[in-house]
């Protein structure tokens, strides 16, 4: 029984390491009053259907949406200072200040 438990734990550890990845976000100012948010993982997988939020300096949500199947979302730029958060769940969040 101890051998089975130990083997299972080792397999789970290696499986979680093998699937570890980092979420990256690219933000492009389209210079037409909008921005393009793109998400991708370090594995090369596209961050499709991933939540995107724009928040003001106090954390108030200004916009909430999701990336498309290409991992992209175009959004109108707010008139106030804001942050962009790409959120794929615990441990998979990318954020940066929005372009003015």
Protein backbone atom coordinates (compact mmCIF):
# COMPACT_ATOMS: atom_id res chain seq x y z
CA UNK A 1 0.00 0.00 0.00
CA UNK A 2 2.85 2.42 0.87
CA UNK A 3 4.51 1.74 -2.50
CA UNK A 4 1.28 2.47 -4.40
CA UNK A 5 0.76 5.72 -2.46
CA UNK A 6 4.38 6.82 -3.01
CA UNK A 7 4.22 6.01 -6.72
CA UNK A 8 0.96 7.93 -7.08
CA UNK A 9 2.40 10.98 -5.31
CA UNK A 10 5.51 10.98 -7.52
CA UNK A 11 3.38 10.73 -10.66
CA UNK A 12 1.17 13.59 -9.50
CA UNK A 13 4.22 15.74 -8.77
CA UNK A 14 5.74 15.14 -12.20
CA UNK A 15 2.40 15.66 -13.93
CA UNK A 16 1.89 19.04 -12.24
CA UNK A 17 5.43 20.10 -13.19
CA UNK A 18 4.95 18.99 -16.79
CA UNK A 19 1.79 21.05 -17.14
CA UNK A 20 3.11 24.18 -15.42
CA UNK A 21 2.91 27.23 -17.64
CA UNK A 22 2.93 31.00 -17.42
CA UNK A 23 0.27 33.33 -18.80
CA UNK A 24 1.55 36.21 -20.93
CA UNK A 25 -0.34 39.25 -22.15
CA UNK A 26 0.43 41.69 -24.95
CA UNK A 27 -1.38 45.02 -25.12
CA UNK A 28 -1.32 47.08 -28.32
CA UNK A 29 -2.55 50.66 -28.52
CA UNK A 30 -4.42 50.81 -31.84
CA UNK A 31 -4.13 54.64 -31.76
CA UNK A 32 -7.82 54.92 -32.64
CA UNK A 33 -9.17 55.00 -29.06
CA UNK A 34 -8.97 51.24 -28.60
CA UNK A 35 -6.51 48.62 -27.39
CA UNK A 36 -5.95 45.02 -28.42
CA UNK A 37 -5.33 42.51 -25.63
CA UNK A 38 -3.73 39.19 -26.59
CA UNK A 39 -3.10 36.25 -24.28
CA UNK A 40 -0.81 33.25 -24.64
CA UNK A 41 0.79 30.68 -22.35
CA UNK A 42 4.51 29.94 -22.19
CA UNK A 43 3.71 26.58 -23.79
CA UNK A 44 2.54 28.40 -26.94
CA UNK A 45 -1.13 27.64 -26.24
CA UNK A 46 -3.53 30.50 -26.97
CA UNK A 47 -5.43 31.94 -23.98
CA UNK A 48 -8.86 31.69 -25.58
CA UNK A 49 -12.05 32.38 -23.62
CA UNK A 50 -10.01 34.05 -20.87
CA UNK A 51 -11.40 36.85 -18.71
CA UNK A 52 -10.13 40.38 -19.35
CA UNK A 53 -10.88 43.19 -16.90
CA UNK A 54 -10.09 46.88 -16.95
CA UNK A 55 -9.92 48.39 -13.46
CA UNK A 56 -9.42 51.96 -12.33
CA UNK A 57 -6.88 52.99 -9.66
CA UNK A 58 -9.33 52.08 -6.87
CA UNK A 59 -10.03 48.61 -8.27
CA UNK A 60 -13.45 49.47 -9.71
CA UNK A 61 -14.20 47.30 -12.74
CA UNK A 62 -14.59 49.49 -15.82
CA UNK A 63 -14.96 46.63 -18.30
CA UNK A 64 -15.22 42.84 -18.19
CA UNK A 65 -15.10 40.51 -21.18
CA UNK A 66 -13.39 37.43 -22.61
CA UNK A 67 -10.83 36.76 -25.30
CA UNK A 68 -12.00 35.08 -28.50
CA UNK A 69 -10.77 31.73 -29.88
CA UNK A 70 -7.59 33.49 -31.07
CA UNK A 71 -6.88 34.80 -27.54
CA UNK A 72 -7.69 38.39 -28.55
CA UNK A 73 -10.06 41.11 -27.38
CA UNK A 74 -10.35 44.68 -28.66
CA UNK A 75 -11.57 47.22 -26.10
CA UNK A 76 -12.25 50.97 -26.09
CA UNK A 77 -9.70 52.81 -23.94
CA UNK A 78 -11.13 54.37 -20.79
CA UNK A 79 -10.67 58.11 -20.23
CA UNK A 80 -9.13 57.47 -16.76
CA UNK A 81 -5.96 55.67 -15.64
CA UNK A 82 -6.55 51.93 -15.69
CA UNK A 83 -5.00 48.51 -15.38
CA UNK A 84 -5.59 45.53 -17.64
CA UNK A 85 -5.96 42.12 -16.00
CA UNK A 86 -5.94 38.86 -17.96
CA UNK A 87 -7.29 36.22 -15.56
CA UNK A 88 -7.25 32.50 -16.38
CA UNK A 89 -7.70 31.46 -12.75
CA UNK A 90 -5.48 31.01 -9.69
CA UNK A 91 -1.79 31.21 -10.58
CA UNK A 92 -2.56 32.34 -14.12
CA UNK A 93 -3.03 36.11 -13.99
CA UNK A 94 -1.19 38.76 -16.01
CA UNK A 95 -1.64 42.49 -15.51
CA UNK A 96 -0.18 45.82 -16.60
CA UNK A 97 -1.00 49.50 -16.66
CA UNK A 98 -3.10 50.54 -19.64
CA UNK A 99 -1.72 52.84 -22.33
CA UNK A 100 -3.03 56.42 -22.16
